[in-house]
Amino acid sequence: MKIQDKKTAIISGATGLVGEQLLNQLLADPTYGKVIAVVRKKMIMTHEKLEQRVTDFGQLPGALQGLQADHGFCCLGTTIKTAGSKEQQYLIDHDFVVDFAKACRATGVTRFSVVSSIGASPSSGNFYLRTKGEMEQDLQKIPFDALFILQPSFLMGNRKEYRAGEKIGIAIMKFLKPMMVFGLAKYRGVPAITVARCMVRVVNSDDHGINIIRSDKIS
């Protein structure tokens, strides 16, 4: 592929469980000549294709003015324990995601992929799932040519931060996986690297419009 034909990707949440895997995928993919990581603080890693944009997410979407990109990827997300309150979790899981997507569209991004959650619904009685559902709903209002919403179940992988409950959950998921068939298949745990690979694959597909990819279809 000629240099002038290579695409530019822009990613947020690059230091998280899925985001770290995704960043590595994008840097290794010859489709992309540049990968812009929008981060709150500079990462240690360096790469000839990597450009880091240290950003106050509260200043989005205007903070990314002047950038140009083709494909957008969002892996932002947190827990109420890390965020400290429901208000802060909503700010990160909804507001920052939607504002990042708007900023991406302003840079020229036409195809956008985001990590949500199985069970996400704006009418859910669960705060986390309702937040994700409202995020999905608001993303669908942004005029992308193609929007890919991945809804993984339990994410499998090694996080930088220790989560005791998650470690227990992973062990349980591994034990139950053989029994989770038919309607229960969508609740199987999904490796973070599989989610990352799927995000890159679908954005580079010929699909258009709004595409919701349930956990058991992530591959």
N, C-alpha and C. Protein backbone atom coordinates (compact mmCIF):
# COMPACT_ATOMS: atom_id res chain seq x y z
N MET A 1 0.84 -1.20 0.00
CA MET A 1 0.00 0.00 0.00
C MET A 1 0.88 1.25 0.00
N LYS A 2 0.57 2.18 -0.89
CA LYS A 2 1.33 3.41 -0.96
C LYS A 2 1.10 4.26 0.30
N ILE A 3 2.12 5.04 0.66
CA ILE A 3 2.02 5.86 1.87
C ILE A 3 0.81 6.77 1.82
N GLN A 4 0.54 7.35 0.65
CA GLN A 4 -0.58 8.29 0.55
C GLN A 4 -1.94 7.60 0.67
N ASP A 5 -1.95 6.26 0.53
CA ASP A 5 -3.20 5.51 0.65
C ASP A 5 -3.46 5.00 2.07
N LYS A 6 -2.46 5.10 2.92
CA LYS A 6 -2.62 4.61 4.29
C LYS A 6 -3.58 5.52 5.07
N LYS A 7 -4.28 4.92 6.00
CA LYS A 7 -5.28 5.66 6.77
C LYS A 7 -4.73 6.10 8.13
N THR A 8 -5.44 7.03 8.72
CA THR A 8 -5.11 7.49 10.07
C THR A 8 -6.20 7.05 11.02
N ALA A 9 -5.80 6.43 12.11
CA ALA A 9 -6.74 6.00 13.14
C ALA A 9 -6.59 6.90 14.36
N ILE A 10 -7.69 7.12 15.06
CA ILE A 10 -7.65 7.89 16.30
C ILE A 10 -8.34 7.06 17.37
N ILE A 11 -7.70 6.94 18.53
CA ILE A 11 -8.18 6.03 19.57
C ILE A 11 -8.18 6.71 20.93
N SER A 12 -9.19 6.42 21.74
CA SER A 12 -9.21 6.85 23.14
C SER A 12 -9.36 5.59 24.01
N GLY A 13 -8.86 5.68 25.22
CA GLY A 13 -8.89 4.51 26.10
C GLY A 13 -7.80 3.52 25.80
N ALA A 14 -6.68 4.02 25.26
CA ALA A 14 -5.60 3.14 24.79
C ALA A 14 -4.82 2.45 25.90
N THR A 15 -5.03 2.84 27.15
CA THR A 15 -4.27 2.22 28.24
C THR A 15 -5.09 1.18 29.00
N GLY A 16 -6.34 0.97 28.58
CA GLY A 16 -7.21 0.02 29.26
C GLY A 16 -7.03 -1.40 28.75
N LEU A 17 -7.83 -2.32 29.26
CA LEU A 17 -7.70 -3.74 28.93
C LEU A 17 -7.85 -3.99 27.43
N VAL A 18 -8.93 -3.49 26.83
CA VAL A 18 -9.14 -3.65 25.39
C VAL A 18 -8.30 -2.63 24.62
N GLY A 19 -8.24 -1.42 25.12
CA GLY A 19 -7.53 -0.35 24.41
C GLY A 19 -6.07 -0.63 24.17
N GLU A 20 -5.40 -1.24 25.13
CA GLU A 20 -3.98 -1.56 24.97
C GLU A 20 -3.79 -2.58 23.84
N GLN A 21 -4.67 -3.58 23.82
CA GLN A 21 -4.61 -4.58 22.74
C GLN A 21 -4.93 -3.94 21.39
N LEU A 22 -5.91 -3.05 21.40
CA LEU A 22 -6.31 -2.37 20.16
C LEU A 22 -5.19 -1.50 19.62
N LEU A 23 -4.54 -0.75 20.50
CA LEU A 23 -3.44 0.11 20.06
C LEU A 23 -2.35 -0.72 19.39
N ASN A 24 -2.01 -1.86 19.97
CA ASN A 24 -0.99 -2.73 19.38
C ASN A 24 -1.43 -3.25 18.01
N GLN A 25 -2.72 -3.58 17.90
CA GLN A 25 -3.26 -4.05 16.62
C GLN A 25 -3.15 -2.98 15.55
N LEU A 26 -3.50 -1.75 15.91
CA LEU A 26 -3.48 -0.65 14.94
C LEU A 26 -2.05 -0.32 14.51
N LEU A 27 -1.12 -0.34 15.44
CA LEU A 27 0.26 -0.02 15.11
C LEU A 27 0.89 -1.08 14.21
N ALA A 28 0.42 -2.31 14.35
CA ALA A 28 0.97 -3.41 13.54
C ALA A 28 0.27 -3.54 12.19
N ASP A 29 -0.87 -2.89 12.03
CA ASP A 29 -1.67 -3.02 10.81
C ASP A 29 -1.12 -2.10 9.71
N PRO A 30 -0.72 -2.66 8.56
CA PRO A 30 -0.19 -1.83 7.47
C PRO A 30 -1.22 -0.91 6.84
N THR A 31 -2.49 -1.10 7.18
CA THR A 31 -3.54 -0.21 6.66
C THR A 31 -3.33 1.21 7.16
N TYR A 32 -2.75 1.33 8.36
CA TYR A 32 -2.64 2.63 9.01
C TYR A 32 -1.22 3.18 8.96
N GLY A 33 -1.11 4.41 8.50
CA GLY A 33 0.18 5.08 8.47
C GLY A 33 0.41 5.90 9.71
N LYS A 34 -0.67 6.23 10.43
CA LYS A 34 -0.57 7.00 11.66
C LYS A 34 -1.67 6.57 12.62
N VAL A 35 -1.32 6.50 13.89
CA VAL A 35 -2.29 6.19 14.94
C VAL A 35 -2.20 7.29 15.99
N ILE A 36 -3.29 8.02 16.17
CA ILE A 36 -3.33 9.11 17.14
C ILE A 36 -4.01 8.60 18.41
N ALA A 37 -3.27 8.57 19.51
CA ALA A 37 -3.83 8.15 20.79
C ALA A 37 -4.17 9.40 21.61
N VAL A 38 -5.45 9.55 21.91
CA VAL A 38 -5.90 10.68 22.73
C VAL A 38 -5.86 10.21 24.18
N VAL A 39 -4.97 10.81 24.96
CA VAL A 39 -4.71 10.34 26.32
C VAL A 39 -4.76 11.49 27.32
N ARG A 40 -4.99 11.14 28.57
CA ARG A 40 -5.01 12.17 29.62
C ARG A 40 -3.59 12.47 30.12
N LYS A 41 -2.71 11.49 30.03
CA LYS A 41 -1.30 11.74 30.33
C LYS A 41 -0.45 10.89 29.39
N LYS A 42 0.72 11.38 29.08
CA LYS A 42 1.58 10.77 28.06
C LYS A 42 1.96 9.34 28.45
N MET A 43 1.87 8.45 27.48
CA MET A 43 2.27 7.06 27.68
C MET A 43 3.78 6.92 27.49
N ILE A 44 4.36 5.91 28.12
CA ILE A 44 5.80 5.68 28.02
C ILE A 44 6.17 5.16 26.64
N MET A 45 5.29 4.37 26.04
CA MET A 45 5.63 3.70 24.78
C MET A 45 5.84 4.69 23.64
N THR A 46 6.68 4.28 22.70
CA THR A 46 6.92 5.06 21.49
C THR A 46 6.82 4.13 20.28
N HIS A 47 6.48 4.70 19.16
CA HIS A 47 6.39 3.94 17.90
C HIS A 47 6.41 4.95 16.77
N GLU A 48 7.00 4.58 15.67
CA GLU A 48 7.12 5.51 14.55
C GLU A 48 5.76 5.96 14.00
N LYS A 49 4.73 5.15 14.19
CA LYS A 49 3.39 5.49 13.69
C LYS A 49 2.52 6.18 14.74
N LEU A 50 3.00 6.19 15.99
CA LEU A 50 2.18 6.69 17.09
C LEU A 50 2.37 8.18 17.35
N GLU A 51 1.24 8.88 17.42
CA GLU A 51 1.23 10.28 17.84
C GLU A 51 0.32 10.38 19.06
N GLN A 52 0.86 10.90 20.15
CA GLN A 52 0.06 11.05 21.36
C GLN A 52 -0.47 12.46 21.47
N ARG A 53 -1.74 12.56 21.80
CA ARG A 53 -2.37 13.87 21.97
C ARG A 53 -2.88 13.94 23.41
N VAL A 54 -2.11 14.57 24.28
CA VAL A 54 -2.52 14.72 25.68
C VAL A 54 -3.67 15.71 25.74
N THR A 55 -4.79 15.26 26.29
CA THR A 55 -6.03 16.03 26.19
C THR A 55 -6.81 16.03 27.49
N ASP A 56 -7.41 17.14 27.80
CA ASP A 56 -8.39 17.24 28.88
C ASP A 56 -9.72 16.83 28.27
N PHE A 57 -10.22 15.66 28.63
CA PHE A 57 -11.44 15.15 28.01
C PHE A 57 -12.64 16.05 28.29
N GLY A 58 -12.53 16.86 29.30
CA GLY A 58 -13.59 17.81 29.58
C GLY A 58 -13.66 18.93 28.57
N GLN A 59 -12.60 19.05 27.74
CA GLN A 59 -12.55 20.10 26.72
C GLN A 59 -12.93 19.58 25.34
N LEU A 60 -13.34 18.32 25.26
CA LEU A 60 -13.80 17.77 23.99
C LEU A 60 -15.19 18.33 23.68
N PRO A 61 -15.59 18.39 22.39
CA PRO A 61 -14.82 17.92 21.23
C PRO A 61 -13.82 18.93 20.66
N GLY A 62 -13.83 20.17 21.14
CA GLY A 62 -12.98 21.20 20.56
C GLY A 62 -11.49 20.96 20.70
N ALA A 63 -11.07 20.14 21.67
CA ALA A 63 -9.65 19.94 21.94
C ALA A 63 -8.89 19.23 20.82
N LEU A 64 -9.61 18.62 19.88
CA LEU A 64 -8.95 17.89 18.80
C LEU A 64 -8.97 18.66 17.48
N GLN A 65 -9.25 19.93 17.54
CA GLN A 65 -9.26 20.74 16.33
C GLN A 65 -7.90 20.70 15.64
N GLY A 66 -7.92 20.60 14.33
CA GLY A 66 -6.69 20.57 13.57
C GLY A 66 -6.22 19.18 13.19
N LEU A 67 -6.78 18.15 13.84
CA LEU A 67 -6.42 16.79 13.50
C LEU A 67 -7.27 16.29 12.33
N GLN A 68 -6.73 15.34 11.61
CA GLN A 68 -7.47 14.68 10.52
C GLN A 68 -7.32 13.18 10.68
N ALA A 69 -8.42 12.45 10.58
CA ALA A 69 -8.37 11.00 10.73
C ALA A 69 -9.46 10.35 9.89
N ASP A 70 -9.33 9.05 9.71
CA ASP A 70 -10.29 8.28 8.91
C ASP A 70 -11.18 7.38 9.76
N HIS A 71 -10.56 6.69 10.71
CA HIS A 71 -11.27 5.73 11.54
C HIS A 71 -11.12 6.07 13.01
N GLY A 72 -12.22 5.96 13.78
CA GLY A 72 -12.19 6.26 15.20
C GLY A 72 -12.49 5.02 16.03
N PHE A 73 -11.81 4.90 17.16
CA PHE A 73 -11.98 3.76 18.06
C PHE A 73 -12.06 4.26 19.50
N CYS A 74 -13.04 3.78 20.24
CA CYS A 74 -13.20 4.22 21.62
C CYS A 74 -13.31 3.04 22.57
N CYS A 75 -12.42 2.99 23.55
CA CYS A 75 -12.43 1.95 24.57
C CYS A 75 -12.54 2.55 25.97
N LEU A 76 -13.05 3.76 26.06
CA LEU A 76 -13.18 4.41 27.35
C LEU A 76 -14.20 3.68 28.23
N GLY A 77 -13.90 3.60 29.50
CA GLY A 77 -14.82 2.97 30.43
C GLY A 77 -14.19 2.89 31.81
N THR A 78 -15.02 2.84 32.82
CA THR A 78 -14.51 2.77 34.18
C THR A 78 -15.50 2.02 35.07
N THR A 79 -15.18 1.90 36.33
CA THR A 79 -16.09 1.30 37.32
C THR A 79 -16.46 2.38 38.32
N ILE A 80 -17.54 2.16 39.04
CA ILE A 80 -17.96 3.15 40.03
C ILE A 80 -16.93 3.23 41.17
N LYS A 81 -16.24 2.11 41.43
CA LYS A 81 -15.21 2.11 42.47
C LYS A 81 -14.06 3.02 42.06
N THR A 82 -13.63 2.93 40.81
CA THR A 82 -12.53 3.76 40.33
C THR A 82 -12.96 5.21 40.17
N ALA A 83 -14.17 5.40 39.64
CA ALA A 83 -14.66 6.76 39.39
C ALA A 83 -14.96 7.49 40.69
N GLY A 84 -15.46 6.76 41.67
CA GLY A 84 -15.76 7.38 42.96
C GLY A 84 -17.21 7.73 43.19
N SER A 85 -17.97 7.84 42.12
CA SER A 85 -19.39 8.18 42.24
C SER A 85 -20.10 7.85 40.93
N LYS A 86 -21.43 7.77 40.98
CA LYS A 86 -22.21 7.53 39.77
C LYS A 86 -22.05 8.69 38.80
N GLU A 87 -21.97 9.89 39.34
CA GLU A 87 -21.84 11.08 38.49
C GLU A 87 -20.55 11.04 37.69
N GLN A 88 -19.45 10.65 38.34
CA GLN A 88 -18.17 10.58 37.67
C GLN A 88 -18.12 9.42 36.68
N GLN A 89 -18.75 8.31 37.04
CA GLN A 89 -18.80 7.19 36.11
C GLN A 89 -19.59 7.55 34.86
N TYR A 90 -20.70 8.25 35.04
CA TYR A 90 -21.51 8.67 33.89
C TYR A 90 -20.72 9.64 33.00
N LEU A 91 -19.96 10.51 33.64
CA LEU A 91 -19.14 11.47 32.90
C LEU A 91 -18.17 10.75 31.97
N ILE A 92 -17.54 9.69 32.48
CA ILE A 92 -16.54 8.96 31.69
C ILE A 92 -17.20 8.01 30.70
N ASP A 93 -18.17 7.23 31.17
CA ASP A 93 -18.76 6.19 30.31
C ASP A 93 -19.76 6.73 29.29
N HIS A 94 -20.30 7.90 29.55
CA HIS A 94 -21.23 8.49 28.59
C HIS A 94 -20.69 9.77 27.96
N ASP A 95 -20.52 10.80 28.77
CA ASP A 95 -20.16 12.11 28.24
C ASP A 95 -18.84 12.10 27.46
N PHE A 96 -17.81 11.54 28.06
CA PHE A 96 -16.50 11.53 27.39
C PHE A 96 -16.54 10.71 26.10
N VAL A 97 -17.27 9.60 26.12
CA VAL A 97 -17.38 8.76 24.92
C VAL A 97 -18.08 9.51 23.79
N VAL A 98 -19.22 10.11 24.12
CA VAL A 98 -20.00 10.83 23.11
C VAL A 98 -19.23 12.05 22.60
N ASP A 99 -18.59 12.77 23.50
CA ASP A 99 -17.82 13.95 23.08
C ASP A 99 -16.61 13.56 22.24
N PHE A 100 -15.99 12.42 22.57
CA PHE A 100 -14.87 11.94 21.76
C PHE A 100 -15.36 11.58 20.37
N ALA A 101 -16.51 10.93 20.28
CA ALA A 101 -17.06 10.55 18.99
C ALA A 101 -17.37 11.78 18.14
N LYS A 102 -17.92 12.82 18.77
CA LYS A 102 -18.20 14.06 18.05
C LYS A 102 -16.90 14.70 17.56
N ALA A 103 -15.88 14.65 18.40
CA ALA A 103 -14.58 15.20 18.02
C ALA A 103 -14.00 14.43 16.85
N CYS A 104 -14.14 13.11 16.87
CA CYS A 104 -13.67 12.27 15.77
C CYS A 104 -14.37 12.64 14.46
N ARG A 105 -15.68 12.83 14.55
CA ARG A 105 -16.43 13.17 13.33
C ARG A 105 -15.94 14.50 12.77
N ALA A 106 -15.58 15.43 13.66
CA ALA A 106 -15.09 16.74 13.23
C ALA A 106 -13.72 16.64 12.57
N THR A 107 -12.95 15.58 12.87
CA THR A 107 -11.64 15.41 12.25
C THR A 107 -11.74 14.73 10.88
N GLY A 108 -12.95 14.29 10.53
CA GLY A 108 -13.14 13.63 9.25
C GLY A 108 -13.44 12.15 9.35
N VAL A 109 -13.46 11.61 10.57
CA VAL A 109 -13.73 10.18 10.77
C VAL A 109 -15.14 9.84 10.25
N THR A 110 -15.20 8.80 9.43
CA THR A 110 -16.49 8.36 8.88
C THR A 110 -16.92 7.00 9.41
N ARG A 111 -15.96 6.26 10.00
CA ARG A 111 -16.25 4.92 10.52
C ARG A 111 -15.72 4.85 11.95
N PHE A 112 -16.62 4.46 12.87
CA PHE A 112 -16.31 4.56 14.29
C PHE A 112 -16.72 3.28 15.00
N SER A 113 -15.84 2.80 15.89
CA SER A 113 -16.09 1.58 16.64
C SER A 113 -15.94 1.84 18.13
N VAL A 114 -16.83 1.29 18.93
CA VAL A 114 -16.84 1.57 20.36
C VAL A 114 -17.16 0.30 21.16
N VAL A 115 -16.59 0.21 22.35
CA VAL A 115 -16.88 -0.90 23.26
C VAL A 115 -17.98 -0.49 24.22
N SER A 116 -19.06 -1.26 24.23
CA SER A 116 -20.17 -1.02 25.15
C SER A 116 -20.27 -2.24 26.08
N SER A 117 -21.46 -2.77 26.29
CA SER A 117 -21.61 -3.92 27.17
C SER A 117 -22.87 -4.70 26.79
N ILE A 118 -22.80 -6.02 26.96
CA ILE A 118 -23.99 -6.84 26.77
C ILE A 118 -25.06 -6.36 27.75
N GLY A 119 -26.29 -6.25 27.28
CA GLY A 119 -27.38 -5.82 28.15
C GLY A 119 -27.58 -4.33 28.22
N ALA A 120 -26.75 -3.57 27.49
CA ALA A 120 -26.88 -2.11 27.51
C ALA A 120 -28.25 -1.69 27.01
N SER A 121 -28.91 -0.80 27.75
CA SER A 121 -30.23 -0.32 27.35
C SER A 121 -30.55 0.96 28.11
N PRO A 122 -31.04 1.98 27.40
CA PRO A 122 -31.40 3.23 28.09
C PRO A 122 -32.56 3.07 29.07
N SER A 123 -33.24 1.95 28.99
CA SER A 123 -34.37 1.72 29.90
C SER A 123 -34.03 0.72 31.01
N SER A 124 -32.77 0.32 31.09
CA SER A 124 -32.37 -0.66 32.10
C SER A 124 -32.49 -0.10 33.51
N GLY A 125 -32.82 -0.95 34.45
CA GLY A 125 -32.88 -0.54 35.86
C GLY A 125 -31.51 -0.53 36.51
N ASN A 126 -30.52 -1.08 35.79
CA ASN A 126 -29.15 -1.12 36.28
C ASN A 126 -28.42 0.14 35.81
N PHE A 127 -27.81 0.87 36.73
CA PHE A 127 -27.18 2.15 36.39
C PHE A 127 -26.12 2.00 35.30
N TYR A 128 -25.26 1.00 35.45
CA TYR A 128 -24.18 0.80 34.48
C TYR A 128 -24.73 0.51 33.09
N LEU A 129 -25.68 -0.41 33.01
CA LEU A 129 -26.24 -0.78 31.71
C LEU A 129 -27.08 0.35 31.11
N ARG A 130 -27.72 1.14 31.97
CA ARG A 130 -28.48 2.29 31.47
C ARG A 130 -27.53 3.35 30.91
N THR A 131 -26.42 3.56 31.61
CA THR A 131 -25.41 4.52 31.13
C THR A 131 -24.88 4.10 29.76
N LYS A 132 -24.54 2.83 29.61
CA LYS A 132 -24.06 2.32 28.33
C LYS A 132 -25.13 2.45 27.25
N GLY A 133 -26.37 2.16 27.64
CA GLY A 133 -27.47 2.26 26.68
C GLY A 133 -27.69 3.69 26.19
N GLU A 134 -27.60 4.65 27.09
CA GLU A 134 -27.76 6.05 26.71
C GLU A 134 -26.58 6.51 25.86
N MET A 135 -25.40 5.98 26.16
CA MET A 135 -24.23 6.28 25.33
C MET A 135 -24.44 5.78 23.91
N GLU A 136 -24.89 4.55 23.76
CA GLU A 136 -25.16 3.97 22.44
C GLU A 136 -26.20 4.81 21.69
N GLN A 137 -27.24 5.18 22.40
CA GLN A 137 -28.33 5.95 21.81
C GLN A 137 -27.83 7.28 21.26
N ASP A 138 -26.98 7.95 22.03
CA ASP A 138 -26.48 9.26 21.60
C ASP A 138 -25.44 9.14 20.49
N LEU A 139 -24.67 8.06 20.48
CA LEU A 139 -23.72 7.86 19.39
C LEU A 139 -24.44 7.69 18.05
N GLN A 140 -25.60 7.09 18.10
CA GLN A 140 -26.35 6.83 16.87
C GLN A 140 -26.88 8.12 16.23
N LYS A 141 -26.83 9.22 16.95
CA LYS A 141 -27.27 10.51 16.41
C LYS A 141 -26.15 11.21 15.63
N ILE A 142 -24.92 10.72 15.77
CA ILE A 142 -23.77 11.33 15.08
C ILE A 142 -23.70 10.75 13.66
N PRO A 143 -23.59 11.59 12.64
CA PRO A 143 -23.67 11.10 11.26
C PRO A 143 -22.41 10.41 10.72
N PHE A 144 -22.08 9.27 11.32
CA PHE A 144 -21.01 8.44 10.77
C PHE A 144 -21.57 7.63 9.59
N ASP A 145 -20.71 7.31 8.64
CA ASP A 145 -21.12 6.40 7.57
C ASP A 145 -21.36 5.00 8.15
N ALA A 146 -20.54 4.66 9.13
CA ALA A 146 -20.67 3.36 9.77
C ALA A 146 -20.33 3.47 11.25
N LEU A 147 -21.20 2.93 12.09
CA LEU A 147 -20.99 2.90 13.53
C LEU A 147 -21.06 1.45 13.98
N PHE A 148 -20.02 1.01 14.71
CA PHE A 148 -19.96 -0.36 15.19
C PHE A 148 -19.94 -0.36 16.71
N ILE A 149 -20.98 -0.90 17.31
CA ILE A 149 -21.10 -0.95 18.76
C ILE A 149 -20.90 -2.39 19.21
N LEU A 150 -19.79 -2.66 19.87
CA LEU A 150 -19.50 -4.00 20.35
C LEU A 150 -20.02 -4.15 21.78
N GLN A 151 -20.77 -5.23 22.02
CA GLN A 151 -21.38 -5.46 23.33
C GLN A 151 -20.82 -6.75 23.95
N PRO A 152 -19.58 -6.71 24.40
CA PRO A 152 -19.01 -7.92 25.02
C PRO A 152 -19.63 -8.20 26.38
N SER A 153 -19.59 -9.47 26.75
CA SER A 153 -19.96 -9.86 28.10
C SER A 153 -18.72 -9.66 28.97
N PHE A 154 -18.41 -10.58 29.81
CA PHE A 154 -17.28 -10.46 30.71
C PHE A 154 -15.98 -10.40 29.91
N LEU A 155 -15.15 -9.38 30.14
CA LEU A 155 -13.89 -9.23 29.42
C LEU A 155 -12.79 -10.03 30.09
N MET A 156 -12.12 -10.86 29.30
CA MET A 156 -11.05 -11.71 29.81
C MET A 156 -9.69 -11.11 29.47
N GLY A 157 -8.79 -11.08 30.44
CA GLY A 157 -7.45 -10.53 30.19
C GLY A 157 -6.83 -10.05 31.49
N ASN A 158 -5.59 -9.64 31.41
CA ASN A 158 -4.87 -9.17 32.59
C ASN A 158 -4.86 -7.65 32.65
N ARG A 159 -5.58 -7.11 33.60
CA ARG A 159 -5.61 -5.66 33.78
C ARG A 159 -4.41 -5.19 34.57
N LYS A 160 -4.05 -3.91 34.36
CA LYS A 160 -2.96 -3.31 35.13
C LYS A 160 -3.41 -3.11 36.57
N GLU A 161 -4.69 -2.78 36.74
CA GLU A 161 -5.22 -2.60 38.09
C GLU A 161 -5.80 -3.93 38.57
N TYR A 162 -5.62 -4.23 39.85
CA TYR A 162 -6.11 -5.49 40.38
C TYR A 162 -7.57 -5.36 40.80
N ARG A 163 -8.39 -6.28 40.31
CA ARG A 163 -9.79 -6.32 40.68
C ARG A 163 -10.10 -7.72 41.17
N ALA A 164 -10.21 -7.88 42.49
CA ALA A 164 -10.41 -9.20 43.08
C ALA A 164 -11.68 -9.87 42.55
N GLY A 165 -12.77 -9.09 42.49
CA GLY A 165 -14.04 -9.65 42.01
C GLY A 165 -13.94 -10.13 40.59
N GLU A 166 -13.18 -9.40 39.78
CA GLU A 166 -13.03 -9.77 38.38
C GLU A 166 -12.24 -11.05 38.24
N LYS A 167 -11.19 -11.23 39.07
CA LYS A 167 -10.39 -12.45 39.03
C LYS A 167 -11.27 -13.66 39.34
N ILE A 168 -12.15 -13.50 40.32
CA ILE A 168 -13.06 -14.59 40.68
C ILE A 168 -14.03 -14.85 39.53
N GLY A 169 -14.52 -13.74 38.93
CA GLY A 169 -15.46 -13.86 37.82
C GLY A 169 -14.85 -14.60 36.63
N ILE A 170 -13.58 -14.32 36.33
CA ILE A 170 -12.90 -14.98 35.22
C ILE A 170 -12.82 -16.48 35.48
N ALA A 171 -12.48 -16.86 36.71
CA ALA A 171 -12.38 -18.28 37.06
C ALA A 171 -13.74 -18.97 36.90
N ILE A 172 -14.79 -18.30 37.33
CA ILE A 172 -16.14 -18.87 37.22
C ILE A 172 -16.54 -19.01 35.75
N MET A 173 -16.23 -17.96 34.96
CA MET A 173 -16.57 -17.99 33.55
C MET A 173 -15.88 -19.14 32.83
N LYS A 174 -14.62 -19.37 33.13
CA LYS A 174 -13.89 -20.47 32.50
C LYS A 174 -14.52 -21.81 32.85
N PHE A 175 -15.01 -21.94 34.10
CA PHE A 175 -15.64 -23.18 34.54
C PHE A 175 -16.99 -23.39 33.85
N LEU A 176 -17.76 -22.30 33.69
CA LEU A 176 -19.11 -22.40 33.14
C LEU A 176 -19.17 -22.40 31.61
N LYS A 177 -18.10 -21.97 30.96
CA LYS A 177 -18.13 -21.81 29.50
C LYS A 177 -18.68 -23.02 28.75
N PRO A 178 -18.25 -24.27 29.07
CA PRO A 178 -18.76 -25.42 28.32
C PRO A 178 -20.28 -25.58 28.44
N MET A 179 -20.86 -25.06 29.51
CA MET A 179 -22.30 -25.20 29.72
C MET A 179 -23.11 -24.03 29.15
N MET A 180 -22.42 -22.98 28.70
CA MET A 180 -23.11 -21.79 28.20
C MET A 180 -23.32 -21.92 26.69
N VAL A 181 -24.42 -22.58 26.33
CA VAL A 181 -24.72 -22.82 24.93
C VAL A 181 -26.09 -22.23 24.59
N PHE A 182 -26.40 -22.22 23.30
CA PHE A 182 -27.67 -21.69 22.81
C PHE A 182 -27.89 -20.25 23.31
N GLY A 183 -28.95 -19.98 24.03
CA GLY A 183 -29.26 -18.62 24.46
C GLY A 183 -28.27 -18.04 25.45
N LEU A 184 -27.54 -18.92 26.12
CA LEU A 184 -26.57 -18.45 27.12
C LEU A 184 -25.21 -18.11 26.51
N ALA A 185 -25.02 -18.45 25.24
CA ALA A 185 -23.72 -18.23 24.59
C ALA A 185 -23.31 -16.77 24.61
N LYS A 186 -24.29 -15.87 24.55
CA LYS A 186 -23.97 -14.44 24.50
C LYS A 186 -23.38 -13.93 25.81
N TYR A 187 -23.46 -14.74 26.87
CA TYR A 187 -22.92 -14.31 28.17
C TYR A 187 -21.53 -14.89 28.45
N ARG A 188 -20.98 -15.62 27.49
CA ARG A 188 -19.63 -16.14 27.69
C ARG A 188 -18.63 -15.00 27.75
N GLY A 189 -17.56 -15.19 28.52
CA GLY A 189 -16.51 -14.20 28.57
C GLY A 189 -15.80 -14.08 27.22
N VAL A 190 -15.30 -12.89 26.92
CA VAL A 190 -14.62 -12.65 25.65
C VAL A 190 -13.22 -12.10 25.92
N PRO A 191 -12.18 -12.71 25.34
CA PRO A 191 -10.83 -12.17 25.53
C PRO A 191 -10.72 -10.76 24.98
N ALA A 192 -10.02 -9.90 25.68
CA ALA A 192 -9.87 -8.50 25.26
C ALA A 192 -9.24 -8.42 23.87
N ILE A 193 -8.29 -9.30 23.59
CA ILE A 193 -7.63 -9.25 22.28
C ILE A 193 -8.60 -9.59 21.15
N THR A 194 -9.59 -10.44 21.44
CA THR A 194 -10.61 -10.77 20.44
C THR A 194 -11.48 -9.56 20.15
N VAL A 195 -11.83 -8.82 21.19
CA VAL A 195 -12.62 -7.60 21.01
C VAL A 195 -11.83 -6.59 20.17
N ALA A 196 -10.55 -6.42 20.49
CA ALA A 196 -9.70 -5.48 19.75
C ALA A 196 -9.61 -5.85 18.28
N ARG A 197 -9.38 -7.12 18.00
CA ARG A 197 -9.27 -7.57 16.61
C ARG A 197 -10.57 -7.35 15.86
N CYS A 198 -11.68 -7.59 16.53
CA CYS A 198 -12.99 -7.39 15.91
C CYS A 198 -13.22 -5.93 15.56
N MET A 199 -12.80 -5.03 16.45
CA MET A 199 -12.98 -3.60 16.21
C MET A 199 -12.27 -3.16 14.94
N VAL A 200 -11.05 -3.65 14.76
CA VAL A 200 -10.28 -3.30 13.56
C VAL A 200 -10.91 -3.92 12.32
N ARG A 201 -11.32 -5.17 12.44
CA ARG A 201 -11.89 -5.88 11.30
C ARG A 201 -13.16 -5.22 10.79
N VAL A 202 -14.09 -4.89 11.70
CA VAL A 202 -15.38 -4.36 11.25
C VAL A 202 -15.23 -2.95 10.67
N VAL A 203 -14.35 -2.15 11.24
CA VAL A 203 -14.15 -0.80 10.72
C VAL A 203 -13.60 -0.85 9.29
N ASN A 204 -12.85 -1.89 8.98
CA ASN A 204 -12.28 -2.03 7.65
C ASN A 204 -13.14 -2.91 6.73
N SER A 205 -14.34 -3.22 7.16
CA SER A 205 -15.26 -4.01 6.34
C SER A 205 -16.02 -3.09 5.39
N ASP A 206 -16.93 -3.67 4.63
CA ASP A 206 -17.76 -2.89 3.71
C ASP A 206 -19.11 -2.52 4.32
N ASP A 207 -19.31 -2.85 5.59
CA ASP A 207 -20.59 -2.58 6.25
C ASP A 207 -20.79 -1.09 6.49
N HIS A 208 -22.05 -0.67 6.42
CA HIS A 208 -22.39 0.73 6.66
C HIS A 208 -23.56 0.80 7.65
N GLY A 209 -23.89 2.00 8.06
CA GLY A 209 -25.00 2.18 8.98
C GLY A 209 -24.64 1.82 10.41
N ILE A 210 -25.66 1.55 11.22
CA ILE A 210 -25.48 1.22 12.63
C ILE A 210 -25.42 -0.29 12.79
N ASN A 211 -24.34 -0.76 13.39
CA ASN A 211 -24.12 -2.20 13.55
C ASN A 211 -23.86 -2.51 15.02
N ILE A 212 -24.74 -3.29 15.64
CA ILE A 212 -24.57 -3.70 17.03
C ILE A 212 -24.11 -5.14 17.04
N ILE A 213 -22.94 -5.37 17.60
CA ILE A 213 -22.33 -6.69 17.58
C ILE A 213 -22.35 -7.30 18.98
N ARG A 214 -23.23 -8.26 19.17
CA ARG A 214 -23.41 -8.90 20.46
C ARG A 214 -22.22 -9.78 20.81
N SER A 215 -22.05 -10.04 22.08
CA SER A 215 -20.88 -10.74 22.59
C SER A 215 -20.56 -12.02 21.84
N ASP A 216 -21.56 -12.87 21.57
CA ASP A 216 -21.30 -14.16 20.94
C ASP A 216 -20.97 -14.03 19.45
N LYS A 217 -21.08 -12.81 18.91
CA LYS A 217 -20.75 -12.56 17.51
C LYS A 217 -19.40 -11.85 17.35
N ILE A 218 -18.78 -11.54 18.48
CA ILE A 218 -17.47 -10.88 18.45
C ILE A 218 -16.40 -11.92 18.17
N SER A 219 -15.70 -11.74 17.07
CA SER A 219 -14.68 -12.71 16.69
C SER A 219 -13.59 -12.05 15.86
